[in-house]
Amino acid sequence: MGVSELEPGSSDGLREAARRRGSFLQTVKAVAWSFFGVRKSTDYAQDVAHINPIHVIVAGVLAGIAFVVGLVLLVRWIVGSGVAQ
């Protein structure tokens, strides 16, 4: 990544990143690994080079919603079963 891609007002780097053709499945896998908190540096570098940042945002929001809904359902199930009296 060049210095010009990090400068404020420079949209060339953002446009180039948005044109990446990484698959959405690859993005979902990268987001899942980030939720788990473990990732090899070589895999991370490959993800940064290939996946679309817009896909990362969408997958991250969807994964966050799924995580919260899963927790709510788990808590409701535990409380409804009578175990947590």
N, C-alpha and C. Protein backbone atom coordinates (compact mmCIF):
# COMPACT_ATOMS: atom_id res chain seq x y z
N MET A 1 0.85 -1.16 0.00
CA MET A 1 0.00 0.00 0.00
C MET A 1 0.89 1.23 0.00
N GLY A 2 0.69 2.10 -0.94
CA GLY A 2 1.50 3.29 -1.04
C GLY A 2 1.03 4.39 -0.12
N VAL A 3 1.87 5.39 0.05
CA VAL A 3 1.54 6.51 0.91
C VAL A 3 0.36 7.29 0.35
N SER A 4 0.25 7.40 -0.98
CA SER A 4 -0.84 8.17 -1.57
C SER A 4 -2.20 7.55 -1.27
N GLU A 5 -2.25 6.23 -1.01
CA GLU A 5 -3.51 5.57 -0.69
C GLU A 5 -3.98 5.93 0.70
N LEU A 6 -3.08 6.38 1.56
CA LEU A 6 -3.44 6.69 2.93
C LEU A 6 -3.72 8.17 3.14
N GLU A 7 -3.41 9.00 2.18
CA GLU A 7 -3.61 10.43 2.35
C GLU A 7 -5.09 10.78 2.30
N PRO A 8 -5.52 11.70 3.18
CA PRO A 8 -6.90 12.12 3.13
C PRO A 8 -7.21 12.78 1.79
N GLY A 9 -8.37 12.50 1.25
CA GLY A 9 -8.77 13.09 -0.02
C GLY A 9 -8.36 12.27 -1.22
N SER A 10 -7.54 11.25 -1.02
CA SER A 10 -7.12 10.41 -2.12
C SER A 10 -8.10 9.24 -2.24
N SER A 11 -8.88 9.25 -3.32
CA SER A 11 -9.88 8.20 -3.47
C SER A 11 -9.42 7.13 -4.46
N ASP A 12 -8.25 7.29 -5.07
CA ASP A 12 -7.75 6.29 -6.02
C ASP A 12 -7.54 4.94 -5.34
N GLY A 13 -6.98 4.94 -4.15
CA GLY A 13 -6.75 3.70 -3.42
C GLY A 13 -8.06 3.04 -3.03
N LEU A 14 -9.04 3.83 -2.66
CA LEU A 14 -10.34 3.28 -2.30
C LEU A 14 -11.04 2.69 -3.52
N ARG A 15 -10.95 3.37 -4.64
CA ARG A 15 -11.56 2.85 -5.86
C ARG A 15 -10.92 1.54 -6.29
N GLU A 16 -9.60 1.49 -6.18
CA GLU A 16 -8.88 0.26 -6.55
C GLU A 16 -9.27 -0.87 -5.62
N ALA A 17 -9.40 -0.59 -4.33
CA ALA A 17 -9.77 -1.62 -3.37
C ALA A 17 -11.19 -2.12 -3.61
N ALA A 18 -12.09 -1.23 -3.97
CA ALA A 18 -13.49 -1.61 -4.21
C ALA A 18 -13.63 -2.46 -5.48
N ARG A 19 -12.65 -2.42 -6.36
CA ARG A 19 -12.70 -3.21 -7.60
C ARG A 19 -12.15 -4.62 -7.43
N ARG A 20 -11.65 -4.95 -6.26
CA ARG A 20 -11.10 -6.28 -6.04
C ARG A 20 -12.18 -7.33 -6.26
N ARG A 21 -11.77 -8.47 -6.78
CA ARG A 21 -12.71 -9.51 -7.17
C ARG A 21 -12.73 -10.69 -6.21
N GLY A 22 -12.32 -10.50 -4.97
CA GLY A 22 -12.37 -11.60 -4.03
C GLY A 22 -13.80 -12.07 -3.83
N SER A 23 -13.97 -13.35 -3.62
CA SER A 23 -15.32 -13.89 -3.48
C SER A 23 -15.91 -13.51 -2.12
N PHE A 24 -17.24 -13.48 -2.09
CA PHE A 24 -17.92 -13.16 -0.83
C PHE A 24 -17.69 -14.27 0.19
N LEU A 25 -17.58 -15.52 -0.28
CA LEU A 25 -17.30 -16.64 0.63
C LEU A 25 -15.93 -16.46 1.29
N GLN A 26 -14.95 -16.04 0.52
CA GLN A 26 -13.62 -15.77 1.07
C GLN A 26 -13.71 -14.66 2.13
N THR A 27 -14.53 -13.66 1.87
CA THR A 27 -14.71 -12.56 2.81
C THR A 27 -15.38 -13.05 4.08
N VAL A 28 -16.40 -13.88 3.94
CA VAL A 28 -17.09 -14.42 5.12
C VAL A 28 -16.12 -15.25 5.97
N LYS A 29 -15.28 -16.04 5.32
CA LYS A 29 -14.29 -16.82 6.07
C LYS A 29 -13.31 -15.90 6.81
N ALA A 30 -12.89 -14.83 6.18
CA ALA A 30 -11.97 -13.89 6.83
C ALA A 30 -12.64 -13.21 8.03
N VAL A 31 -13.91 -12.84 7.87
CA VAL A 31 -14.64 -12.22 8.98
C VAL A 31 -14.84 -13.22 10.11
N ALA A 32 -15.14 -14.47 9.77
CA ALA A 32 -15.31 -15.50 10.81
C ALA A 32 -14.02 -15.70 11.59
N TRP A 33 -12.89 -15.73 10.89
CA TRP A 33 -11.60 -15.85 11.58
C TRP A 33 -11.34 -14.64 12.47
N SER A 34 -11.77 -13.47 12.03
CA SER A 34 -11.54 -12.28 12.85
C SER A 34 -12.41 -12.31 14.10
N PHE A 35 -13.62 -12.88 14.02
CA PHE A 35 -14.45 -13.03 15.21
C PHE A 35 -13.80 -14.01 16.18
N PHE A 36 -13.17 -15.04 15.65
CA PHE A 36 -12.49 -16.03 16.48
C PHE A 36 -11.21 -15.44 17.07
N GLY A 37 -10.57 -14.55 16.36
CA GLY A 37 -9.39 -13.85 16.88
C GLY A 37 -8.06 -14.48 16.54
N VAL A 38 -8.05 -15.43 15.61
CA VAL A 38 -6.81 -16.11 15.24
C VAL A 38 -6.68 -16.07 13.73
N ARG A 39 -5.52 -15.63 13.26
CA ARG A 39 -5.30 -15.57 11.81
C ARG A 39 -3.80 -15.55 11.55
N LYS A 40 -3.36 -16.37 10.59
CA LYS A 40 -1.94 -16.34 10.19
C LYS A 40 -1.66 -15.04 9.46
N SER A 41 -0.47 -14.53 9.62
CA SER A 41 -0.13 -13.27 8.96
C SER A 41 -0.12 -13.41 7.44
N THR A 42 0.25 -14.58 6.94
CA THR A 42 0.25 -14.77 5.49
C THR A 42 -1.17 -14.79 4.95
N ASP A 43 -2.09 -15.44 5.68
CA ASP A 43 -3.50 -15.44 5.26
C ASP A 43 -4.10 -14.04 5.33
N TYR A 44 -3.73 -13.30 6.39
CA TYR A 44 -4.20 -11.93 6.53
C TYR A 44 -3.72 -11.07 5.36
N ALA A 45 -2.46 -11.20 5.00
CA ALA A 45 -1.91 -10.42 3.89
C ALA A 45 -2.61 -10.78 2.58
N GLN A 46 -2.92 -12.04 2.39
CA GLN A 46 -3.62 -12.47 1.18
C GLN A 46 -5.04 -11.88 1.17
N ASP A 47 -5.71 -11.88 2.32
CA ASP A 47 -7.05 -11.30 2.40
C ASP A 47 -7.03 -9.81 2.08
N VAL A 48 -6.06 -9.10 2.62
CA VAL A 48 -5.97 -7.66 2.39
C VAL A 48 -5.75 -7.37 0.90
N ALA A 49 -5.03 -8.25 0.24
CA ALA A 49 -4.73 -8.03 -1.17
C ALA A 49 -5.88 -8.41 -2.09
N HIS A 50 -6.79 -9.30 -1.65
CA HIS A 50 -7.77 -9.83 -2.58
C HIS A 50 -9.23 -9.49 -2.28
N ILE A 51 -9.60 -9.34 -1.01
CA ILE A 51 -11.02 -9.16 -0.74
C ILE A 51 -11.45 -7.70 -0.84
N ASN A 52 -12.71 -7.53 -1.16
CA ASN A 52 -13.30 -6.21 -1.35
C ASN A 52 -13.70 -5.64 0.01
N PRO A 53 -13.28 -4.42 0.36
CA PRO A 53 -13.62 -3.86 1.66
C PRO A 53 -15.13 -3.67 1.87
N ILE A 54 -15.87 -3.46 0.80
CA ILE A 54 -17.32 -3.34 0.94
C ILE A 54 -17.90 -4.67 1.37
N HIS A 55 -17.39 -5.76 0.83
CA HIS A 55 -17.82 -7.09 1.25
C HIS A 55 -17.50 -7.33 2.72
N VAL A 56 -16.37 -6.83 3.18
CA VAL A 56 -15.97 -6.99 4.58
C VAL A 56 -16.97 -6.29 5.49
N ILE A 57 -17.37 -5.09 5.12
CA ILE A 57 -18.33 -4.33 5.94
C ILE A 57 -19.66 -5.07 6.00
N VAL A 58 -20.16 -5.50 4.85
CA VAL A 58 -21.45 -6.20 4.80
C VAL A 58 -21.37 -7.50 5.60
N ALA A 59 -20.33 -8.28 5.38
CA ALA A 59 -20.19 -9.55 6.09
C ALA A 59 -20.02 -9.33 7.59
N GLY A 60 -19.30 -8.30 7.98
CA GLY A 60 -19.11 -8.00 9.40
C GLY A 60 -20.40 -7.60 10.08
N VAL A 61 -21.20 -6.78 9.42
CA VAL A 61 -22.49 -6.37 9.99
C VAL A 61 -23.42 -7.58 10.11
N LEU A 62 -23.48 -8.39 9.06
CA LEU A 62 -24.34 -9.58 9.09
C LEU A 62 -23.88 -10.57 10.17
N ALA A 63 -22.58 -10.76 10.30
CA ALA A 63 -22.05 -11.67 11.32
C ALA A 63 -22.32 -11.12 12.72
N GLY A 64 -22.21 -9.82 12.90
CA GLY A 64 -22.51 -9.21 14.20
C GLY A 64 -23.97 -9.38 14.57
N ILE A 65 -24.87 -9.18 13.60
CA ILE A 65 -26.29 -9.37 13.85
C ILE A 65 -26.59 -10.82 14.18
N ALA A 66 -26.01 -11.75 13.42
CA ALA A 66 -26.22 -13.17 13.67
C ALA A 66 -25.69 -13.57 15.06
N PHE A 67 -24.57 -13.00 15.47
CA PHE A 67 -24.00 -13.30 16.78
C PHE A 67 -24.93 -12.83 17.90
N VAL A 68 -25.43 -11.61 17.79
CA VAL A 68 -26.33 -11.06 18.81
C VAL A 68 -27.64 -11.85 18.86
N VAL A 69 -28.22 -12.15 17.71
CA VAL A 69 -29.46 -12.93 17.66
C VAL A 69 -29.22 -14.32 18.26
N GLY A 70 -28.08 -14.92 17.96
CA GLY A 70 -27.75 -16.22 18.53
C GLY A 70 -27.65 -16.18 20.04
N LEU A 71 -27.02 -15.14 20.57
CA LEU A 71 -26.92 -15.00 22.03
C LEU A 71 -28.28 -14.81 22.67
N VAL A 72 -29.12 -13.98 22.06
CA VAL A 72 -30.46 -13.74 22.59
C VAL A 72 -31.26 -15.04 22.59
N LEU A 73 -31.21 -15.79 21.50
CA LEU A 73 -31.93 -17.07 21.44
C LEU A 73 -31.39 -18.06 22.46
N LEU A 74 -30.10 -18.11 22.65
CA LEU A 74 -29.50 -19.00 23.65
C LEU A 74 -29.97 -18.64 25.05
N VAL A 75 -29.95 -17.37 25.39
CA VAL A 75 -30.39 -16.94 26.72
C VAL A 75 -31.87 -17.23 26.92
N ARG A 76 -32.69 -16.96 25.91
CA ARG A 76 -34.13 -17.25 26.02
C ARG A 76 -34.36 -18.75 26.21
N TRP A 77 -33.60 -19.59 25.51
CA TRP A 77 -33.74 -21.03 25.64
C TRP A 77 -33.35 -21.50 27.04
N ILE A 78 -32.24 -20.97 27.56
CA ILE A 78 -31.78 -21.35 28.90
C ILE A 78 -32.78 -20.92 29.96
N VAL A 79 -33.25 -19.69 29.87
CA VAL A 79 -34.20 -19.19 30.85
C VAL A 79 -35.53 -19.94 30.74
N GLY A 80 -35.97 -20.22 29.52
CA GLY A 80 -37.23 -20.93 29.32
C GLY A 80 -37.17 -22.38 29.75
N SER A 81 -36.01 -22.99 29.77
CA SER A 81 -35.90 -24.40 30.15
C SER A 81 -35.98 -24.61 31.66
N GLY A 82 -35.85 -23.54 32.42
CA GLY A 82 -35.93 -23.65 33.88
C GLY A 82 -34.61 -23.94 34.54
N VAL A 83 -33.55 -24.04 33.80
CA VAL A 83 -32.24 -24.32 34.38
C VAL A 83 -31.73 -23.14 35.18
N ALA A 84 -32.04 -21.93 34.75
CA ALA A 84 -31.53 -20.72 35.38
C ALA A 84 -32.53 -20.17 36.41
N GLN A 85 -32.90 -20.99 37.40
CA GLN A 85 -33.85 -20.53 38.42
C GLN A 85 -33.12 -20.04 39.63
